[in-house]
């Protein structure tokens, strides 16, 4: 496969189609992020990312762009050592961290809530009303900054294709607009799903007689049961997993099980 990506440049054979431009921009981006080595073979990180994406394709009939982006974002946050179960932000300034259950319960709730931050939240077209968390909001903003930086890097590589003369000068303005719209990382991570998951797991850590119905706390969620089912699938499958020793593959496969669509 690596050899097929090495082609001699011929005069008059510049990149022109959307597929060519998009593919080259993403390839250069992955090379810059060390998922692809200089010889065009996959690095260790690239092999892990490919394994995760293949697992997703084996698990679902169709894998959405949002799911692929969420998997990739998990890798980037892991590399930054921020996708963990630690209190990365000072308390009480950043309140809203998990408070109920054992220390293990709190750690697991925090990690799963952060993973859920990479998934879409199905909310009606009306202002959000419900629980808040400065702690999760801080993580949400950090993930948003990472996503924005990655988007900027992608756009830089797309621009370099044109400034270096690798793209045809006959490419129309509409094609350039289509290319910009096709690049990944156009959507910021959602905080809503993370808040639903955190609220649910916090209540689950209480005695049954004291548990509240989180459905009453999120008035305008389209289908909170569906959101919880997707998030609970992650927790149920990995209930014996110690997040402090979680490997890249374990956490990524858990993210796939969450099926962030």
Protein backbone atom coordinates (compact mmCIF):
# COMPACT_ATOMS: atom_id res chain seq x y z
CA UNK A 1 0.00 0.00 0.00
CA UNK A 2 2.80 2.42 0.87
CA UNK A 3 4.41 2.00 -2.56
CA UNK A 4 1.13 2.85 -4.29
CA UNK A 5 1.16 6.27 -2.64
CA UNK A 6 4.50 7.14 -4.24
CA UNK A 7 4.00 8.42 -7.77
CA UNK A 8 6.42 10.45 -9.89
CA UNK A 9 5.22 13.94 -10.67
CA UNK A 10 4.60 14.58 -14.35
CA UNK A 11 4.22 17.96 -16.00
CA UNK A 12 0.59 18.74 -16.70
CA UNK A 13 -0.59 16.08 -14.24
CA UNK A 14 -1.51 18.35 -11.33
CA UNK A 15 -4.20 17.53 -8.79
CA UNK A 16 -7.61 18.74 -9.87
CA UNK A 17 -10.50 16.61 -8.57
CA UNK A 18 -11.99 16.99 -5.10
CA UNK A 19 -10.99 13.42 -4.24
CA UNK A 20 -7.36 14.07 -5.18
CA UNK A 21 -7.16 17.37 -3.32
CA UNK A 22 -8.89 16.05 -0.20
CA UNK A 23 -6.88 12.83 -0.14
CA UNK A 24 -3.57 14.64 -0.47
CA UNK A 25 -4.43 17.21 2.19
CA UNK A 26 -5.41 14.52 4.69
CA UNK A 27 -2.36 12.39 3.81
CA UNK A 28 0.00 15.32 4.42
CA UNK A 29 -1.82 16.10 7.64
CA UNK A 30 -1.44 12.52 8.94
CA UNK A 31 2.22 12.59 7.95
CA UNK A 32 2.68 15.81 9.89
CA UNK A 33 0.98 14.29 12.95
CA UNK A 34 3.29 11.23 12.81
CA UNK A 35 0.63 8.68 11.91
CA UNK A 36 2.45 8.09 8.62
CA UNK A 37 6.24 7.80 8.40
CA UNK A 38 8.50 9.39 5.79
CA UNK A 39 8.54 6.15 3.77
CA UNK A 40 4.70 6.29 3.65
CA UNK A 41 4.32 3.30 5.99
CA UNK A 42 2.17 3.60 9.10
CA UNK A 43 3.80 4.49 12.39
CA UNK A 44 2.79 2.73 15.61
CA UNK A 45 0.17 5.41 16.17
CA UNK A 46 -1.01 4.98 12.59
CA UNK A 47 -1.35 1.23 13.01
CA UNK A 48 -3.40 1.72 16.19
CA UNK A 49 -5.63 4.28 14.45
CA UNK A 50 -6.17 1.96 11.49
CA UNK A 51 -7.02 -0.94 13.81
CA UNK A 52 -9.60 1.22 15.59
CA UNK A 53 -11.20 2.37 12.34
CA UNK A 54 -11.29 -1.20 11.02
CA UNK A 55 -12.96 -2.32 14.25
CA UNK A 56 -15.58 0.37 13.76
CA UNK A 57 -16.26 -0.80 10.21
CA UNK A 58 -16.58 -4.39 11.43
CA UNK A 59 -19.02 -3.34 14.15
CA UNK A 60 -21.39 -1.15 12.13
CA UNK A 61 -22.90 -1.26 8.65
CA UNK A 62 -21.91 2.36 8.10
CA UNK A 63 -19.39 4.47 9.98
CA UNK A 64 -20.21 8.16 9.90
CA UNK A 65 -17.66 10.93 9.52
CA UNK A 66 -18.54 12.02 13.06
CA UNK A 67 -17.59 8.60 14.41
CA UNK A 68 -14.28 8.61 12.56
CA UNK A 69 -13.50 12.10 13.83
CA UNK A 70 -14.37 11.10 17.40
CA UNK A 71 -12.01 8.12 17.20
CA UNK A 72 -9.24 10.31 15.85
CA UNK A 73 -9.89 12.98 18.47
CA UNK A 74 -9.58 10.33 21.19
CA UNK A 75 -6.11 9.49 19.91
CA UNK A 76 -5.03 13.12 19.88
CA UNK A 77 -6.33 13.70 23.40
CA UNK A 78 -4.61 10.52 24.57
CA UNK A 79 -1.34 11.74 23.09
CA UNK A 80 -1.76 14.95 25.06
CA UNK A 81 -2.44 12.83 28.17
CA UNK A 82 -5.68 14.66 28.94
CA UNK A 83 -8.22 11.91 28.16
CA UNK A 84 -7.94 10.26 31.55
CA UNK A 85 -9.75 9.89 34.88
CA UNK A 86 -7.74 12.52 36.72
CA UNK A 87 -8.96 15.89 38.04
CA UNK A 88 -7.09 17.94 35.48
CA UNK A 89 -8.62 21.20 36.69
CA UNK A 90 -8.52 22.73 40.19
CA UNK A 91 -11.51 22.32 42.48
CA UNK A 92 -13.60 24.22 43.63
CA UNK A 93 -12.85 26.75 40.87
CA UNK A 94 -13.89 24.13 38.31
CA UNK A 95 -16.77 22.48 40.12
CA UNK A 96 -19.12 19.86 38.74
CA UNK A 97 -16.84 16.84 38.91
CA UNK A 98 -18.40 13.46 39.85
CA UNK A 99 -19.20 13.50 43.57
CA UNK A 100 -21.06 10.28 44.29
CA UNK A 101 -19.97 6.72 44.79
CA UNK A 102 -16.55 5.33 45.61
CA UNK A 103 -13.32 6.87 44.35
CA UNK A 104 -13.30 4.24 41.60
CA UNK A 105 -16.88 5.16 40.66
CA UNK A 106 -15.95 8.83 40.45
CA UNK A 107 -12.88 8.10 38.33
CA UNK A 108 -14.83 5.90 35.91
CA UNK A 109 -17.66 8.43 35.68
CA UNK A 110 -15.19 11.20 34.87
CA UNK A 111 -13.44 9.22 32.14
CA UNK A 112 -16.65 8.04 30.47
CA UNK A 113 -18.09 11.56 30.63
CA UNK A 114 -15.01 12.88 28.85
CA UNK A 115 -15.30 10.25 26.15
CA UNK A 116 -18.98 11.17 25.75
CA UNK A 117 -17.87 14.76 25.12
CA UNK A 118 -16.75 13.57 21.68
CA UNK A 119 -20.27 12.44 20.73
CA UNK A 120 -23.25 14.28 19.31
CA UNK A 121 -26.06 15.45 21.57
CA UNK A 122 -29.61 15.32 20.22
CA UNK A 123 -31.35 18.42 21.56
CA UNK A 124 -34.35 20.33 20.29
CA UNK A 125 -33.78 23.68 18.62
CA UNK A 126 -34.21 25.64 21.82
CA UNK A 127 -31.88 26.93 24.51
CA UNK A 128 -30.35 24.26 26.73
CA UNK A 129 -31.76 23.81 30.22
CA UNK A 130 -30.32 21.23 32.57
CA UNK A 131 -27.36 20.39 34.81
CA UNK A 132 -24.06 22.17 34.25
CA UNK A 133 -20.45 21.32 35.08
CA UNK A 134 -17.53 23.72 34.97
CA UNK A 135 -15.20 20.73 35.17
CA UNK A 136 -16.63 19.12 32.03
CA UNK A 137 -16.94 22.51 30.36
CA UNK A 138 -13.20 23.03 30.87
CA UNK A 139 -12.49 19.68 29.22
CA UNK A 140 -14.95 20.52 26.45
CA UNK A 141 -13.11 23.78 25.76
CA UNK A 142 -9.76 22.01 25.76
CA UNK A 143 -11.04 19.44 23.28
CA UNK A 144 -12.47 22.26 21.16
CA UNK A 145 -9.08 24.00 21.08
CA UNK A 146 -7.41 20.75 19.99
CA UNK A 147 -10.01 20.27 17.26
CA UNK A 148 -9.62 23.87 16.08
CA UNK A 149 -5.83 23.49 15.94
CA UNK A 150 -6.14 20.29 13.93
CA UNK A 151 -8.54 22.00 11.55
CA UNK A 152 -6.07 24.84 11.09
CA UNK A 153 -3.28 22.38 10.33
CA UNK A 154 -5.48 20.64 7.76
CA UNK A 155 -6.29 23.94 6.07
CA UNK A 156 -2.59 24.82 5.99
CA UNK A 157 -1.77 21.59 4.15
CA UNK A 158 -4.68 22.13 1.75
CA UNK A 159 -3.41 25.64 1.04
CA UNK A 160 0.14 24.35 0.53
CA UNK A 161 -1.08 22.09 -2.28
CA UNK A 162 -2.03 25.21 -4.24
CA UNK A 163 0.91 27.44 -3.29
CA UNK A 164 3.43 24.72 -4.17
CA UNK A 165 1.96 24.24 -7.63
CA UNK A 166 0.78 20.70 -6.94
CA UNK A 167 -2.81 21.64 -7.79
CA UNK A 168 -4.10 22.61 -11.20
CA UNK A 169 -4.57 26.34 -11.77
CA UNK A 170 -7.86 25.46 -13.46
CA UNK A 171 -9.48 24.53 -10.15
CA UNK A 172 -12.58 26.69 -9.80
CA UNK A 173 -13.54 28.76 -6.73
CA UNK A 174 -16.46 26.37 -6.16
CA UNK A 175 -14.08 23.42 -6.03
CA UNK A 176 -12.01 25.22 -3.43
CA UNK A 177 -15.15 25.93 -1.41
CA UNK A 178 -16.17 22.27 -1.69
CA UNK A 179 -12.71 21.23 -0.52
CA UNK A 180 -12.94 23.46 2.55
CA UNK A 181 -16.38 22.05 3.37
CA UNK A 182 -15.11 18.47 2.97
CA UNK A 183 -12.16 18.78 5.34
CA UNK A 184 -12.70 17.15 8.76
CA UNK A 185 -13.15 18.91 12.10
CA UNK A 186 -15.90 21.36 11.21
CA UNK A 187 -17.97 20.50 14.32
CA UNK A 188 -16.94 21.27 17.88
CA UNK A 189 -17.31 18.54 20.52
CA UNK A 190 -20.69 18.48 22.25
CA UNK A 191 -20.96 19.02 25.99
CA UNK A 192 -24.59 17.91 26.29
CA UNK A 193 -24.02 14.17 26.00
CA UNK A 194 -21.22 14.41 28.54
CA UNK A 195 -23.58 16.11 31.01
CA UNK A 196 -26.25 13.44 30.47
CA UNK A 197 -23.74 10.65 31.09
CA UNK A 198 -22.24 12.30 34.15
CA UNK A 199 -25.66 12.99 35.68
CA UNK A 200 -26.85 9.44 35.03
CA UNK A 201 -23.76 7.74 36.45
CA UNK A 202 -23.75 10.04 39.48
CA UNK A 203 -27.32 8.98 40.27
CA UNK A 204 -26.48 5.35 39.59
CA UNK A 205 -23.84 5.55 42.34
CA UNK A 206 -26.53 6.36 44.93
CA UNK A 207 -28.78 3.96 46.78
CA UNK A 208 -31.80 3.02 44.62
CA UNK A 209 -34.23 4.78 46.95
CA UNK A 210 -32.34 8.08 46.57
CA UNK A 211 -31.85 8.08 42.82
CA UNK A 212 -33.40 10.87 40.80
CA UNK A 213 -34.82 10.58 37.28
CA UNK A 214 -32.34 12.41 35.05
CA UNK A 215 -34.96 12.55 32.29
CA UNK A 216 -36.68 15.29 34.26
CA UNK A 217 -33.49 17.36 34.34
CA UNK A 218 -33.05 17.59 30.56
CA UNK A 219 -36.33 19.03 29.33
CA UNK A 220 -35.61 19.40 25.63
CA UNK A 221 -33.48 16.37 24.80
CA UNK A 222 -34.90 14.56 21.77
CA UNK A 223 -34.30 11.01 23.04
CA UNK A 224 -32.39 10.80 26.30
CA UNK A 225 -32.94 7.04 26.56
CA UNK A 226 -31.20 6.53 23.22
CA UNK A 227 -28.30 8.74 24.29
CA UNK A 228 -27.99 6.83 27.56
CA UNK A 229 -28.17 3.45 25.80
CA UNK A 230 -25.26 4.39 23.57
CA UNK A 231 -23.23 5.66 26.52
CA UNK A 232 -24.17 2.74 28.78
CA UNK A 233 -23.01 0.27 26.16
CA UNK A 234 -19.51 1.62 26.72
CA UNK A 235 -19.69 1.27 30.49
CA UNK A 236 -21.36 -2.14 30.49
CA UNK A 237 -18.86 -3.72 28.13
CA UNK A 238 -15.84 -2.31 29.95
CA UNK A 239 -17.03 -2.63 33.57
CA UNK A 240 -13.93 -4.59 34.57
CA UNK A 241 -11.53 -2.19 32.86
CA UNK A 242 -9.28 -0.09 35.09
CA UNK A 243 -8.99 3.26 33.25
CA UNK A 244 -5.67 4.06 34.92
CA UNK A 245 -4.08 1.19 33.01
CA UNK A 246 -6.17 1.49 29.87
CA UNK A 247 -4.25 1.12 26.64
CA UNK A 248 -4.83 3.16 23.51
CA UNK A 249 -6.62 0.23 21.89
CA UNK A 250 -8.90 -0.42 24.88
CA UNK A 251 -10.04 3.16 25.14
CA UNK A 252 -10.52 3.54 21.41
CA UNK A 253 -12.54 0.33 21.14
CA UNK A 254 -14.65 1.60 24.02
CA UNK A 255 -15.25 4.80 22.08
CA UNK A 256 -16.36 2.73 19.10
CA UNK A 257 -18.75 0.79 21.34
CA UNK A 258 -20.25 4.13 22.36
CA UNK A 259 -21.01 4.62 18.63
CA UNK A 260 -20.75 8.38 18.69
CA UNK A 261 -22.88 9.26 15.68
